[in-house]
N, C-alpha and C. Protein backbone atom coordinates (compact mmCIF):
# COMPACT_ATOMS: atom_id res chain seq x y z
N UNK A 1 -105.61 180.36 -26.34
CA UNK A 1 -106.29 181.35 -27.09
C UNK A 1 -106.62 182.34 -25.79
N UNK A 2 -106.42 183.49 -25.61
CA UNK A 2 -106.94 184.30 -24.52
C UNK A 2 -108.28 184.48 -24.28
N UNK A 3 -108.74 185.12 -23.23
CA UNK A 3 -110.16 185.18 -22.87
C UNK A 3 -109.81 186.50 -22.02
N UNK A 4 -111.20 187.19 -22.05
CA UNK A 4 -111.31 188.37 -21.38
C UNK A 4 -112.50 188.48 -20.59
N UNK A 5 -112.56 189.06 -19.25
CA UNK A 5 -113.73 189.34 -18.63
C UNK A 5 -113.73 191.01 -18.80
N UNK A 6 -114.88 191.58 -19.49
CA UNK A 6 -115.16 192.63 -19.52
C UNK A 6 -116.22 193.52 -18.75
N UNK A 7 -115.78 194.68 -18.28
CA UNK A 7 -117.00 195.27 -17.46
C UNK A 7 -117.10 196.96 -17.76
N UNK A 8 -118.27 197.14 -17.59
CA UNK A 8 -118.66 198.58 -17.83
C UNK A 8 -119.37 198.91 -16.33
N UNK A 9 -118.84 200.08 -15.60
CA UNK A 9 -119.62 200.42 -14.53
C UNK A 9 -119.39 202.23 -14.32
N UNK A 10 -120.23 202.57 -13.47
CA UNK A 10 -120.46 203.99 -13.16
C UNK A 10 -119.83 204.26 -11.87
N UNK A 11 -118.80 205.18 -11.58
CA UNK A 11 -118.26 205.47 -10.36
C UNK A 11 -118.33 206.98 -9.86
N UNK A 12 -118.80 207.10 -8.70
CA UNK A 12 -119.05 208.85 -8.45
C UNK A 12 -117.52 209.41 -8.52
N UNK A 13 -117.43 210.41 -9.41
CA UNK A 13 -116.27 211.17 -9.53
C UNK A 13 -115.17 211.45 -8.37
N UNK A 14 -116.05 211.63 -7.13
CA UNK A 14 -115.52 211.95 -6.12
C UNK A 14 -114.90 210.56 -5.42
N UNK A 15 -115.14 209.38 -6.07
CA UNK A 15 -114.36 208.21 -5.38
C UNK A 15 -113.43 207.56 -6.42
N UNK A 16 -112.96 208.68 -7.35
CA UNK A 16 -111.94 208.14 -8.30
C UNK A 16 -110.82 207.48 -7.51
N UNK A 17 -110.06 207.95 -6.54
CA UNK A 17 -108.65 207.58 -5.92
C UNK A 17 -109.32 206.55 -4.91
N UNK A 18 -110.50 206.29 -4.52
CA UNK A 18 -110.79 205.27 -3.60
C UNK A 18 -111.09 204.06 -4.81
N UNK A 19 -111.66 204.27 -6.05
CA UNK A 19 -111.75 202.97 -6.75
C UNK A 19 -110.30 202.62 -7.22
N UNK A 20 -109.16 203.65 -7.61
CA UNK A 20 -107.95 203.14 -7.87
C UNK A 20 -107.22 202.45 -6.94
N UNK A 21 -107.46 202.69 -5.68
CA UNK A 21 -107.07 201.92 -4.43
C UNK A 21 -107.51 200.58 -4.65
N UNK A 22 -109.08 200.29 -4.80
CA UNK A 22 -109.74 199.23 -4.88
C UNK A 22 -109.13 198.25 -5.91
N UNK A 23 -109.13 198.75 -7.04
CA UNK A 23 -108.62 197.97 -8.18
C UNK A 23 -107.21 197.57 -7.80
N UNK A 24 -106.44 198.53 -7.67
CA UNK A 24 -104.97 198.03 -7.37
C UNK A 24 -104.69 196.94 -6.18
N UNK A 25 -105.72 196.91 -5.25
CA UNK A 25 -105.77 195.96 -4.34
C UNK A 25 -106.17 194.64 -4.70
N UNK A 26 -107.18 194.70 -5.58
CA UNK A 26 -107.68 193.25 -6.27
C UNK A 26 -106.64 192.59 -7.07
N UNK A 27 -105.84 193.63 -7.93
CA UNK A 27 -104.89 192.88 -8.96
C UNK A 27 -104.12 191.64 -8.26
N UNK A 28 -103.64 191.71 -7.07
CA UNK A 28 -102.66 190.53 -6.69
C UNK A 28 -103.55 189.58 -6.65
N UNK A 29 -105.00 189.55 -6.13
CA UNK A 29 -105.74 188.30 -6.05
C UNK A 29 -105.79 187.48 -7.36
N UNK A 30 -106.21 188.62 -8.35
CA UNK A 30 -106.32 187.95 -9.93
C UNK A 30 -105.22 187.58 -10.62
N UNK A 31 -104.04 188.22 -10.17
CA UNK A 31 -103.05 187.52 -10.72
C UNK A 31 -102.65 186.30 -10.21
N UNK A 32 -102.75 186.20 -8.77
CA UNK A 32 -102.43 184.71 -8.09
C UNK A 32 -103.37 183.70 -8.72
N UNK A 33 -104.70 183.96 -9.08
CA UNK A 33 -105.69 183.20 -9.84
C UNK A 33 -105.64 182.95 -11.17
N UNK A 34 -104.58 183.44 -11.78
CA UNK A 34 -103.92 183.20 -13.26
C UNK A 34 -104.40 184.31 -14.23
N UNK A 35 -104.65 185.33 -13.67
CA UNK A 35 -105.12 186.51 -14.59
C UNK A 35 -103.40 187.14 -15.13
N UNK A 36 -103.38 187.44 -16.48
CA UNK A 36 -102.26 187.83 -17.15
C UNK A 36 -102.37 189.56 -17.06
N UNK A 37 -103.44 190.01 -17.15
CA UNK A 37 -103.21 191.54 -17.10
C UNK A 37 -104.89 192.27 -16.71
N UNK A 38 -104.67 193.25 -16.06
CA UNK A 38 -105.82 193.87 -15.69
C UNK A 38 -105.82 195.30 -16.31
N UNK A 39 -106.76 195.86 -16.75
CA UNK A 39 -106.81 197.30 -17.24
C UNK A 39 -108.05 198.09 -16.77
N UNK A 40 -107.92 199.16 -16.20
CA UNK A 40 -108.85 199.98 -15.71
C UNK A 40 -108.93 201.30 -16.35
N UNK A 41 -109.90 201.56 -17.35
CA UNK A 41 -109.81 202.91 -18.02
C UNK A 41 -111.34 203.91 -17.44
N UNK A 42 -110.78 205.05 -17.10
CA UNK A 42 -111.67 206.00 -16.70
C UNK A 42 -112.30 206.89 -17.90
N UNK A 43 -113.42 206.78 -17.94
CA UNK A 43 -114.13 207.53 -19.16
C UNK A 43 -113.91 209.15 -19.14
N UNK A 44 -113.36 209.66 -20.15
CA UNK A 44 -112.89 211.12 -20.52
C UNK A 44 -113.90 211.71 -21.73
N UNK A 45 -114.37 210.70 -22.58
CA UNK A 45 -115.06 211.22 -23.78
C UNK A 45 -116.06 210.11 -23.81
N UNK A 46 -117.32 209.97 -23.25
CA UNK A 46 -118.25 209.18 -23.14
C UNK A 46 -119.84 210.02 -23.66
N UNK A 47 -119.77 210.01 -24.96
CA UNK A 47 -120.91 210.83 -25.31
C UNK A 47 -122.39 210.24 -25.19
N UNK A 48 -123.17 210.96 -24.96
CA UNK A 48 -124.68 210.63 -24.99
C UNK A 48 -124.98 210.00 -26.49
N UNK A 49 -125.63 208.74 -26.62
CA UNK A 49 -126.07 208.41 -27.99
C UNK A 49 -127.41 208.78 -28.13
N UNK A 50 -128.23 208.51 -29.28
CA UNK A 50 -129.33 208.71 -29.69
C UNK A 50 -130.56 207.48 -29.22
N UNK A 51 -129.65 206.41 -29.29
CA UNK A 51 -130.51 205.15 -28.85
C UNK A 51 -130.06 204.53 -27.47
N UNK A 52 -128.86 204.41 -27.30
CA UNK A 52 -128.25 203.80 -26.23
C UNK A 52 -126.61 204.16 -26.06
N UNK A 53 -126.18 204.16 -25.15
CA UNK A 53 -124.64 204.55 -24.84
C UNK A 53 -124.13 204.03 -23.46
N UNK A 54 -122.91 204.11 -23.69
CA UNK A 54 -122.10 203.50 -22.39
C UNK A 54 -122.99 204.24 -20.90
N UNK A 55 -123.43 205.46 -20.97
CA UNK A 55 -123.88 206.09 -19.72
C UNK A 55 -125.11 205.54 -19.30
N UNK A 56 -125.96 205.39 -20.27
CA UNK A 56 -127.32 204.54 -19.99
C UNK A 56 -127.42 203.01 -19.84
N UNK A 57 -126.51 202.55 -20.19
CA UNK A 57 -126.04 200.93 -19.87
C UNK A 57 -125.74 200.73 -18.52
N UNK A 58 -125.39 201.85 -17.77
CA UNK A 58 -125.12 201.51 -16.16
C UNK A 58 -126.09 202.68 -15.51
N UNK A 59 -126.86 203.35 -16.07
CA UNK A 59 -127.71 204.18 -15.37
C UNK A 59 -126.75 205.04 -14.71
N UNK A 60 -125.70 205.50 -15.17
CA UNK A 60 -124.77 206.62 -14.82
C UNK A 60 -125.29 208.03 -14.33
N UNK A 61 -125.13 208.51 -13.10
CA UNK A 61 -125.76 209.77 -12.79
C UNK A 61 -124.80 211.01 -13.34
N UNK A 62 -125.40 212.25 -13.33
CA UNK A 62 -124.46 213.41 -13.64
C UNK A 62 -123.06 213.34 -12.97
N UNK A 63 -122.88 213.00 -11.57
CA UNK A 63 -121.82 213.22 -10.93
C UNK A 63 -121.00 211.80 -11.00
N UNK A 64 -121.29 210.69 -12.20
CA UNK A 64 -120.45 209.58 -11.99
C UNK A 64 -119.71 209.65 -13.36
N UNK A 65 -118.68 208.96 -13.28
CA UNK A 65 -117.87 208.45 -14.62
C UNK A 65 -118.08 207.20 -14.95
N UNK A 66 -118.08 206.90 -16.31
CA UNK A 66 -118.29 205.53 -17.09
C UNK A 66 -116.64 204.88 -16.82
N UNK A 67 -116.56 203.70 -16.31
CA UNK A 67 -115.31 202.85 -16.49
C UNK A 67 -115.65 201.74 -17.15
N UNK A 68 -114.43 201.49 -17.96
CA UNK A 68 -114.41 200.27 -19.13
C UNK A 68 -113.18 199.54 -18.75
N UNK A 69 -113.47 198.19 -17.95
CA UNK A 69 -112.41 197.63 -17.63
C UNK A 69 -112.21 196.19 -18.39
N UNK A 70 -111.22 195.49 -17.99
CA UNK A 70 -110.93 194.11 -18.65
C UNK A 70 -109.94 193.48 -18.04
N UNK A 71 -110.23 192.23 -17.45
CA UNK A 71 -109.14 191.34 -17.23
C UNK A 71 -108.63 190.35 -18.27
N UNK A 72 -107.45 190.02 -18.66
CA UNK A 72 -107.07 189.07 -19.70
C UNK A 72 -106.55 187.64 -18.94
N UNK A 73 -107.09 186.71 -19.49
CA UNK A 73 -106.75 185.38 -19.00
C UNK A 73 -106.14 184.34 -20.04
N UNK A 74 -105.60 183.52 -19.62
CA UNK A 74 -104.79 182.60 -20.59
C UNK A 74 -105.90 181.79 -21.56
N UNK A 75 -106.99 181.86 -20.83
CA UNK A 75 -107.98 180.98 -21.40
C UNK A 75 -109.36 181.03 -20.52
N UNK A 76 -110.44 180.43 -21.17
CA UNK A 76 -111.96 180.42 -20.34
C UNK A 76 -111.73 179.71 -19.25
N UNK A 77 -111.07 178.35 -19.16
CA UNK A 77 -111.20 177.63 -18.16
C UNK A 77 -110.30 178.19 -16.69
N UNK A 78 -109.32 179.05 -17.09
CA UNK A 78 -108.76 179.78 -16.00
C UNK A 78 -109.47 180.94 -15.30
N UNK A 79 -110.11 181.72 -16.44
CA UNK A 79 -111.19 182.75 -15.84
C UNK A 79 -112.32 181.90 -14.86
N UNK A 80 -112.89 181.08 -15.42
CA UNK A 80 -114.06 180.36 -14.91
C UNK A 80 -113.64 179.91 -13.39
N UNK A 81 -112.36 179.30 -13.36
CA UNK A 81 -111.78 178.80 -12.06
C UNK A 81 -111.48 179.93 -11.07
N UNK A 82 -110.95 181.00 -11.60
CA UNK A 82 -110.83 182.33 -10.75
C UNK A 82 -112.10 182.74 -10.28
N UNK A 83 -113.01 182.95 -10.98
CA UNK A 83 -114.26 183.26 -10.23
C UNK A 83 -114.81 182.23 -9.29
N UNK A 84 -114.75 181.19 -9.58
CA UNK A 84 -115.11 180.13 -8.45
C UNK A 84 -114.06 180.55 -7.25
N UNK A 85 -112.92 180.42 -7.28
CA UNK A 85 -112.08 180.90 -6.21
C UNK A 85 -112.65 181.96 -5.40
N UNK A 86 -113.08 183.28 -6.25
CA UNK A 86 -113.27 184.42 -5.32
C UNK A 86 -114.33 184.22 -4.38
N UNK A 87 -115.23 183.16 -4.93
CA UNK A 87 -116.48 182.95 -4.08
C UNK A 87 -116.01 182.61 -2.70
N UNK A 88 -115.21 181.88 -2.43
CA UNK A 88 -114.81 181.16 -1.21
C UNK A 88 -113.69 181.61 -0.63
N UNK A 89 -112.80 182.78 -1.39
CA UNK A 89 -111.80 183.27 -0.52
C UNK A 89 -111.87 184.61 0.29
N UNK A 90 -111.57 184.33 1.65
CA UNK A 90 -111.76 185.22 2.51
C UNK A 90 -111.36 186.60 2.39
N UNK A 91 -110.18 186.62 1.67
CA UNK A 91 -109.63 187.91 1.47
C UNK A 91 -110.68 188.69 0.51
N UNK A 92 -111.56 188.09 -0.13
CA UNK A 92 -112.41 189.00 -0.97
C UNK A 92 -113.24 189.97 -0.22
N UNK A 93 -113.49 189.68 1.24
CA UNK A 93 -114.37 190.30 2.00
C UNK A 93 -113.82 191.76 2.40
N UNK A 94 -112.61 191.86 2.28
CA UNK A 94 -112.13 193.40 2.24
C UNK A 94 -112.59 194.18 1.00
N UNK A 95 -113.15 193.56 -0.05
CA UNK A 95 -113.61 194.40 -1.23
C UNK A 95 -115.13 194.45 -1.24
N UNK A 96 -115.73 194.11 0.00
CA UNK A 96 -117.21 194.41 0.00
C UNK A 96 -117.81 195.63 0.12
N UNK A 97 -116.93 196.59 0.77
CA UNK A 97 -117.51 197.91 0.55
C UNK A 97 -116.86 198.73 -0.65
N UNK A 98 -117.53 198.50 -1.79
CA UNK A 98 -117.09 199.08 -3.10
C UNK A 98 -117.29 200.31 -3.07
N UNK A 99 -116.59 201.41 -3.73
CA UNK A 99 -116.77 202.75 -4.15
C UNK A 99 -117.50 202.83 -5.25
N UNK A 100 -118.43 202.13 -5.61
CA UNK A 100 -119.47 202.21 -6.70
C UNK A 100 -120.58 201.12 -6.68
N UNK A 101 -121.62 201.53 -7.17
CA UNK A 101 -122.72 200.75 -7.13
C UNK A 101 -122.75 199.46 -7.96
N UNK A 102 -122.40 198.47 -7.40
CA UNK A 102 -121.98 197.06 -8.38
C UNK A 102 -123.12 196.57 -8.82
N UNK A 103 -124.79 196.86 -8.24
CA UNK A 103 -125.77 196.28 -8.97
C UNK A 103 -125.86 197.16 -10.62
N UNK A 104 -125.11 198.09 -10.85
CA UNK A 104 -125.53 198.88 -12.19
C UNK A 104 -124.25 198.52 -13.05
N UNK A 105 -123.36 197.48 -12.64
CA UNK A 105 -122.24 197.23 -13.26
C UNK A 105 -122.60 196.08 -14.37
N UNK A 106 -122.21 196.15 -15.48
CA UNK A 106 -122.44 195.01 -16.43
C UNK A 106 -121.09 194.28 -16.78
N UNK A 107 -121.26 193.17 -17.09
CA UNK A 107 -120.01 192.17 -17.41
C UNK A 107 -120.43 191.08 -18.31
N UNK A 108 -119.39 190.61 -19.18
CA UNK A 108 -119.22 189.65 -19.69
C UNK A 108 -117.96 188.95 -20.05
N UNK A 109 -117.84 187.71 -20.68
CA UNK A 109 -116.65 187.16 -20.90
C UNK A 109 -116.66 187.05 -22.42
N UNK A 110 -115.37 187.32 -23.13
CA UNK A 110 -115.19 187.44 -24.40
C UNK A 110 -114.02 186.46 -24.98
N UNK A 111 -114.22 185.88 -26.13
CA UNK A 111 -112.97 185.36 -26.68
C UNK A 111 -112.59 186.17 -27.88
N UNK A 112 -111.22 186.20 -28.08
CA UNK A 112 -110.53 186.98 -29.30
C UNK A 112 -110.88 186.38 -30.56
N UNK A 113 -111.41 187.37 -31.61
CA UNK A 113 -111.72 186.95 -32.97
C UNK A 113 -110.84 187.55 -33.86
N UNK A 114 -110.28 188.76 -33.47
CA UNK A 114 -109.50 189.28 -34.36
C UNK A 114 -108.42 190.21 -33.39
N UNK A 115 -107.06 189.91 -33.73
CA UNK A 115 -106.02 190.55 -32.89
C UNK A 115 -105.01 191.05 -33.96
N UNK A 116 -104.92 192.43 -34.33
CA UNK A 116 -104.22 193.01 -35.00
C UNK A 116 -103.29 193.91 -34.13
N UNK A 117 -101.87 193.98 -34.62
CA UNK A 117 -100.86 194.77 -33.95
C UNK A 117 -100.26 195.79 -35.29
């Protein structure tokens, strides 16, 4: 059963192209480690909520866009193994200068419970 790593983060709008390059550069590593698909979504309609919302979840500033991203894995074991490999892969060092504040990114792992087409 597919497994997903999901992310919500804030990226300065001025860093949009740098973020795209960053994500595209990371994809070959994720693919090599077993990822099936990576999707990056730039927020264009992210309204403020009354109690909570995407913007507040990552403390987005007025000059930042909210991104919703996910990586599809064949299963949780492959995802877990990939994250472990990342910790020791020297290629990951080139991604240390991120075009966003990683401290405000939220993430989690998700299993599919409904999949309709």
